PDB file of N, CA and C in Angstrom:
ATOM      1  N   MET A   1     100.065 -85.047   7.637  1.00  0.00           N
ATOM      2  CA  MET A   1     101.298 -84.393   8.024  1.00  0.00           C
ATOM      3  C   MET A   1     101.522 -84.475   9.530  1.00  0.00           C
ATOM      4  N   SER A   2     100.487 -84.285  10.307  1.00  0.00           N
ATOM      5  CA  SER A   2     100.648 -84.327  11.760  1.00  0.00           C
ATOM      6  C   SER A   2     101.009 -85.721  12.247  1.00  0.00           C
ATOM      7  N   LEU A   3     100.543 -86.752  11.541  1.00  0.00           N
ATOM      8  CA  LEU A   3     100.905 -88.120  11.924  1.00  0.00           C
ATOM      9  C   LEU A   3     102.389 -88.379  11.739  1.00  0.00           C
ATOM     10  N   SER A   4     102.978 -87.829  10.690  1.00  0.00           N
ATOM     11  CA  SER A   4     104.409 -88.032  10.478  1.00  0.00           C
ATOM     12  C   SER A   4     105.217 -87.325  11.555  1.00  0.00           C
ATOM     13  N   VAL A   5     104.762 -86.166  11.987  1.00  0.00           N
ATOM     14  CA  VAL A   5     105.442 -85.446  13.067  1.00  0.00           C
ATOM     15  C   VAL A   5     105.345 -86.243  14.361  1.00  0.00           C
ATOM     16  N   LEU A   6     104.180 -86.758  14.667  1.00  0.00           N
ATOM     17  CA  LEU A   6     103.994 -87.552  15.881  1.00  0.00           C
ATOM     18  C   LEU A   6     104.830 -88.825  15.831  1.00  0.00           C
ATOM     19  N   GLY A   7     104.897 -89.442  14.658  1.00  0.00           N
ATOM     20  CA  GLY A   7     105.697 -90.649  14.507  1.00  0.00           C
ATOM     21  C   GLY A   7     107.172 -90.375  14.724  1.00  0.00           C
ATOM     22  N   THR A   8     107.658 -89.260  14.207  1.00  0.00           N
ATOM     23  CA  THR A   8     109.062 -88.889  14.388  1.00  0.00           C
ATOM     24  C   THR A   8     109.363 -88.607  15.847  1.00  0.00           C
ATOM     25  N   VAL A   9     108.488 -87.888  16.507  1.00  0.00           N
ATOM     26  CA  VAL A   9     108.674 -87.588  17.928  1.00  0.00           C
ATOM     27  C   VAL A   9     108.667 -88.881  18.733  1.00  0.00           C
ATOM     28  N   GLY A  10     107.783 -89.781  18.414  1.00  0.00           N
ATOM     29  CA  GLY A  10     107.711 -91.066  19.108  1.00  0.00           C
ATOM     30  C   GLY A  10     108.979 -91.876  18.936  1.00  0.00           C
ATOM     31  N   LEU A  11     109.527 -91.882  17.737  1.00  0.00           N
ATOM     32  CA  LEU A  11     110.772 -92.614  17.492  1.00  0.00           C
ATOM     33  C   LEU A  11     111.942 -91.998  18.245  1.00  0.00           C
ATOM     34  N   LEU A  12     111.997 -90.682  18.272  1.00  0.00           N
ATOM     35  CA  LEU A  12     113.093 -90.016  18.976  1.00  0.00           C
ATOM     36  C   LEU A  12     113.008 -90.251  20.478  1.00  0.00           C
ATOM     37  N   ALA A  13     111.832 -90.256  21.009  1.00  0.00           N
ATOM     38  CA  ALA A  13     111.662 -90.485  22.442  1.00  0.00           C
ATOM     39  C   ALA A  13     112.061 -91.910  22.809  1.00  0.00           C
ATOM     40  N   GLY A  14     111.879 -92.845  21.912  1.00  0.00           N
ATOM     41  CA  GLY A  14     112.228 -94.233  22.161  1.00  0.00           C
ATOM     42  C   GLY A  14     113.723 -94.495  22.154  1.00  0.00           C
ATOM     43  N   CYS A  15     114.505 -93.548  21.680  1.00  0.00           N
ATOM     44  CA  CYS A  15     115.958 -93.725  21.572  1.00  0.00           C
ATOM     45  C   CYS A  15     116.694 -93.411  22.876  1.00  0.00           C
ATOM     46  N   GLU A  16     116.047 -92.750  23.786  1.00  0.00           N
ATOM     47  CA  GLU A  16     116.686 -92.393  25.047  1.00  0.00           C
ATOM     48  C   GLU A  16     116.847 -93.629  25.918  1.00  0.00           C
ATOM     49  N   PRO A  17     118.018 -93.797  26.533  1.00  0.00           N
ATOM     50  CA  PRO A  17     118.196 -94.957  27.420  1.00  0.00           C
ATOM     51  C   PRO A  17     117.337 -94.824  28.672  1.00  0.00           C
ATOM     52  N   GLU A  18     116.968 -95.949  29.235  1.00  0.00           N
ATOM     53  CA  GLU A  18     116.137 -95.969  30.442  1.00  0.00           C
ATOM     54  C   GLU A  18     116.937 -95.423  31.627  1.00  0.00           C
ATOM     55  N   VAL A  19     116.295 -94.574  32.408  1.00  0.00           N
ATOM     56  CA  VAL A  19     116.951 -94.006  33.587  1.00  0.00           C
ATOM     57  C   VAL A  19     117.418 -95.134  34.499  1.00  0.00           C
ATOM     58  N   GLY A  20     118.683 -95.074  34.881  1.00  0.00           N
ATOM     59  CA  GLY A  20     119.248 -96.075  35.773  1.00  0.00           C
ATOM     60  C   GLY A  20     119.981 -97.192  35.046  1.00  0.00           C
ATOM     61  N   SER A  21     119.806 -97.285  33.724  1.00  0.00           N
ATOM     62  CA  SER A  21     120.514 -98.327  32.973  1.00  0.00           C
ATOM     63  C   SER A  21     121.994 -97.960  32.861  1.00  0.00           C
ATOM     64  N   ASP A  22     122.824 -98.943  32.549  1.00  0.00           N
ATOM     65  CA  ASP A  22     124.252 -98.679  32.389  1.00  0.00           C
ATOM     66  C   ASP A  22     124.494 -97.635  31.304  1.00  0.00           C
ATOM     67  N   ARG A  23     123.731 -97.738  30.230  1.00  0.00           N
ATOM     68  CA  ARG A  23     123.881 -96.782  29.123  1.00  0.00           C
ATOM     69  C   ARG A  23     123.519 -95.373  29.571  1.00  0.00           C
ATOM     70  N   TRP A  24     122.474 -95.243  30.370  1.00  0.00           N
ATOM     71  CA  TRP A  24     122.051 -93.933  30.875  1.00  0.00           C
ATOM     72  C   TRP A  24     123.116 -93.363  31.801  1.00  0.00           C
ATOM     73  N   CYS A  25     123.676 -94.205  32.673  1.00  0.00           N
ATOM     74  CA  CYS A  25     124.724 -93.745  33.591  1.00  0.00           C
ATOM     75  C   CYS A  25     125.932 -93.238  32.816  1.00  0.00           C
ATOM     76  N   GLU A  26     126.327 -93.960  31.772  1.00  0.00           N
ATOM     77  CA  GLU A  26     127.458 -93.529  30.945  1.00  0.00           C
ATOM     78  C   GLU A  26     127.154 -92.208  30.251  1.00  0.00           C
ATOM     79  N   LYS A  27     125.931 -92.079  29.740  1.00  0.00           N
ATOM     80  CA  LYS A  27     125.525 -90.842  29.063  1.00  0.00           C
ATOM     81  C   LYS A  27     125.570 -89.668  30.033  1.00  0.00           C
ATOM     82  N   MET A  28     125.038 -89.871  31.235  1.00  0.00           N
ATOM     83  CA  MET A  28     125.029 -88.782  32.220  1.00  0.00           C
ATOM     84  C   MET A  28     126.439 -88.434  32.689  1.00  0.00           C
ATOM     85  N   ALA A  29     127.308 -89.423  32.801  1.00  0.00           N
ATOM     86  CA  ALA A  29     128.685 -89.159  33.219  1.00  0.00           C
ATOM     87  C   ALA A  29     129.397 -88.288  32.190  1.00  0.00           C
ATOM     88  N   ASP A  30     129.003 -88.403  30.925  1.00  0.00           N
ATOM     89  CA  ASP A  30     129.609 -87.607  29.859  1.00  0.00           C
ATOM     90  C   ASP A  30     128.931 -86.253  29.664  1.00  0.00           C
ATOM     91  N   THR A  31     127.780 -86.057  30.298  1.00  0.00           N
ATOM     92  CA  THR A  31     127.036 -84.803  30.185  1.00  0.00           C
ATOM     93  C   THR A  31     127.570 -83.802  31.211  1.00  0.00           C
ATOM     94  N   PRO A  32     127.827 -82.544  30.798  1.00  0.00           N
ATOM     95  CA  PRO A  32     128.286 -81.546  31.778  1.00  0.00           C
ATOM     96  C   PRO A  32     127.294 -81.420  32.937  1.00  0.00           C
ATOM     97  N   LYS A  33     127.799 -81.372  34.137  1.00  0.00           N
ATOM     98  CA  LYS A  33     126.941 -81.308  35.334  1.00  0.00           C
ATOM     99  C   LYS A  33     126.046 -80.079  35.324  1.00  0.00           C
ATOM    100  N   SER A  34     126.479 -79.023  34.648  1.00  0.00           N
ATOM    101  CA  SER A  34     125.658 -77.810  34.583  1.00  0.00           C
ATOM    102  C   SER A  34     124.390 -78.028  33.757  1.00  0.00           C
ATOM    103  N   ASP A  35     124.354 -79.095  32.949  1.00  0.00           N
ATOM    104  CA  ASP A  35     123.173 -79.408  32.142  1.00  0.00           C
ATOM    105  C   ASP A  35     122.208 -80.347  32.851  1.00  0.00           C
ATOM    106  N   TRP A  36     122.566 -80.821  34.033  1.00  0.00           N
ATOM    107  CA  TRP A  36     121.724 -81.762  34.772  1.00  0.00           C
ATOM    108  C   TRP A  36     120.616 -81.025  35.502  1.00  0.00           C
ATOM    109  N   SER A  37     119.458 -81.666  35.578  1.00  0.00           N
ATOM    110  CA  SER A  37     118.385 -81.150  36.435  1.00  0.00           C
ATOM    111  C   SER A  37     118.580 -81.744  37.833  1.00  0.00           C
ATOM    112  N   VAL A  38     117.814 -81.277  38.775  1.00  0.00           N
ATOM    113  CA  VAL A  38     117.871 -81.829  40.128  1.00  0.00           C
ATOM    114  C   VAL A  38     117.477 -83.306  40.091  1.00  0.00           C
ATOM    115  N   ASN A  39     116.466 -83.626  39.291  1.00  0.00           N
ATOM    116  CA  ASN A  39     116.025 -85.021  39.162  1.00  0.00           C
ATOM    117  C   ASN A  39     117.104 -85.892  38.538  1.00  0.00           C
ATOM    118  N   ASP A  40     117.831 -85.343  37.552  1.00  0.00           N
ATOM    119  CA  ASP A  40     118.939 -86.095  36.945  1.00  0.00           C
ATOM    120  C   ASP A  40     119.999 -86.427  37.988  1.00  0.00           C
ATOM    121  N   ALA A  41     120.368 -85.440  38.791  1.00  0.00           N
ATOM    122  CA  ALA A  41     121.399 -85.651  39.816  1.00  0.00           C
ATOM    123  C   ALA A  41     120.953 -86.690  40.840  1.00  0.00           C
ATOM    124  N   LYS A  42     119.711 -86.610  41.250  1.00  0.00           N
ATOM    125  CA  LYS A  42     119.179 -87.569  42.220  1.00  0.00           C
ATOM    126  C   LYS A  42     119.170 -88.984  41.643  1.00  0.00           C
ATOM    127  N   ALA A  43     118.694 -89.120  40.414  1.00  0.00           N
ATOM    128  CA  ALA A  43     118.635 -90.433  39.768  1.00  0.00           C
ATOM    129  C   ALA A  43     120.041 -90.986  39.542  1.00  0.00           C
ATOM    130  N   PHE A  44     120.989 -90.129  39.163  1.00  0.00           N
ATOM    131  CA  PHE A  44     122.365 -90.574  38.950  1.00  0.00           C
ATOM    132  C   PHE A  44     122.945 -91.103  40.255  1.00  0.00           C
ATOM    133  N   ALA A  45     122.719 -90.383  41.335  1.00  0.00           N
ATOM    134  CA  ALA A  45     123.229 -90.834  42.633  1.00  0.00           C
ATOM    135  C   ALA A  45     122.605 -92.169  43.030  1.00  0.00           C
ATOM    136  N   GLN A  46     121.307 -92.295  42.879  1.00  0.00           N
ATOM    137  CA  GLN A  46     120.614 -93.530  43.272  1.00  0.00           C
ATOM    138  C   GLN A  46     121.014 -94.725  42.415  1.00  0.00           C
ATOM    139  N   HIS A  47     121.035 -94.539  41.110  1.00  0.00           N
ATOM    140  CA  HIS A  47     121.186 -95.661  40.187  1.00  0.00           C
ATOM    141  C   HIS A  47     122.612 -95.936  39.751  1.00  0.00           C
ATOM    142  N   CYS A  48     123.464 -94.931  39.789  1.00  0.00           N
ATOM    143  CA  CYS A  48     124.809 -95.099  39.237  1.00  0.00           C
ATOM    144  C   CYS A  48     125.891 -95.132  40.312  1.00  0.00           C
ATOM    145  N   ILE A  49     125.754 -94.336  41.345  1.00  0.00           N
ATOM    146  CA  ILE A  49     126.788 -94.284  42.390  1.00  0.00           C
ATOM    147  C   ILE A  49     126.481 -95.282  43.495  1.00  0.00           C
ATOM    148  N   PHE A  50     125.329 -95.151  44.134  1.00  0.00           N
ATOM    149  CA  PHE A  50     125.004 -96.014  45.266  1.00  0.00           C
ATOM    150  C   PHE A  50     124.730 -97.444  44.831  1.00  0.00           C
ATOM    151  N   LYS A  51     124.249 -97.648  43.618  1.00  0.00           N
ATOM    152  CA  LYS A  51     124.017 -98.991  43.092  1.00  0.00           C
ATOM    153  C   LYS A  51     125.336 -99.750  43.022  1.00  0.00           C
ATOM    154  N   GLU A  52     126.385 -99.103  42.509  1.00  0.00           N
ATOM    155  CA  GLU A  52     127.697 -99.739  42.403  1.00  0.00           C
ATOM    156  C   GLU A  52     128.243-100.060  43.793  1.00  0.00           C
ATOM    157  N   TYR A  53     128.071 -99.150  44.723  1.00  0.00           N
ATOM    158  CA  TYR A  53     128.551 -99.365  46.090  1.00  0.00           C
ATOM    159  C   TYR A  53     127.820-100.536  46.723  1.00  0.00           C
ATOM    160  N   GLY A  54     126.528-100.599  46.531  1.00  0.00           N
ATOM    161  CA  GLY A  54     125.731-101.692  47.085  1.00  0.00           C
ATOM    162  C   GLY A  54     126.104-103.030  46.482  1.00  0.00           C
ATOM    163  N   ASP A  55     126.418-103.060  45.188  1.00  0.00           N
ATOM    164  CA  ASP A  55     126.827-104.301  44.530  1.00  0.00           C
ATOM    165  C   ASP A  55     128.137-104.817  45.117  1.00  0.00           C
ATOM    166  N   ASP A  56     129.074-103.922  45.431  1.00  0.00           N
ATOM    167  CA  ASP A  56     130.351-104.321  46.012  1.00  0.00           C
ATOM    168  C   ASP A  56     130.150-104.962  47.376  1.00  0.00           C
ATOM    169  N   GLU A  57     129.260-104.394  48.177  1.00  0.00           N
ATOM    170  CA  GLU A  57     129.000-104.931  49.514  1.00  0.00           C
ATOM    171  C   GLU A  57     128.401-106.333  49.420  1.00  0.00           C
ATOM    172  N   GLU A  58     127.481-106.542  48.482  1.00  0.00           N
ATOM    173  CA  GLU A  58     126.849-107.853  48.321  1.00  0.00           C
ATOM    174  C   GLU A  58     127.880-108.894  47.910  1.00  0.00           C
ATOM    175  N   GLU A  59     128.798-108.535  47.024  1.00  0.00           N
ATOM    176  CA  GLU A  59     129.841-109.466  46.596  1.00  0.00           C
ATOM    177  C   GLU A  59     130.742-109.847  47.761  1.00  0.00           C
ATOM    178  N   GLU A  60     131.091-108.862  48.600  1.00  0.00           N
ATOM    179  CA  GLU A  60     131.937-109.135  49.765  1.00  0.00           C
ATOM    180  C   GLU A  60     131.236-110.067  50.741  1.00  0.00           C
ATOM    181  N   GLU A  61     129.934-109.864  50.940  1.00  0.00           N
ATOM    182  CA  GLU A  61     129.185-110.725  51.851  1.00  0.00           C
ATOM    183  C   GLU A  61     129.126-112.154  51.324  1.00  0.00           C
ATOM    184  N   GLU A  62     128.947-112.304  50.009  1.00  0.00           N
ATOM    185  CA  GLU A  62     128.890-113.631  49.410  1.00  0.00           C
ATOM    186  C   GLU A  62     130.227-114.351  49.571  1.00  0.00           C
ATOM    187  N   GLU A  63     131.332-113.623  49.418  1.00  0.00           N
ATOM    188  CA  GLU A  63     132.659-114.214  49.558  1.00  0.00           C
ATOM    189  C   GLU A  63     132.918-114.640  51.008  1.00  0.00           C
ATOM    190  N   GLU A  64     132.426-113.854  51.966  1.00  0.00           N
ATOM    191  CA  GLU A  64     132.604-114.171  53.382  1.00  0.00           C
ATOM    192  C   GLU A  64     131.833-115.440  53.747  1.00  0.00           C
ATOM    193  N   GLU A  65     130.676-115.656  53.112  1.00  0.00           N
ATOM    194  CA  GLU A  65     129.849-116.824  53.421  1.00  0.00           C
ATOM    195  C   GLU A  65     130.499-118.118  52.938  1.00  0.00           C
ATOM    196  N   LYS A  66     131.352-118.037  51.929  1.00  0.00           N
ATOM    197  CA  LYS A  66     131.976-119.241  51.344  1.00  0.00           C
ATOM    198  C   LYS A  66     133.080-119.749  52.173  1.00  0.00           C
TER     199      LYS A  66
END
């Protein structure tokens, strides 16, 4: 019986998107901010907000080089 419980918990844990992935960013954007932890907010800022800003700058630099 305990093995089935552990197996179920393992499967459920595997369903969560990886922190910083596009899917995770979308999930967090849809989650009420009051449900976020401090770590969630920090990770969202690093991976979802500043990542997009950094990607835009790199594209602009590549266009300037051409």
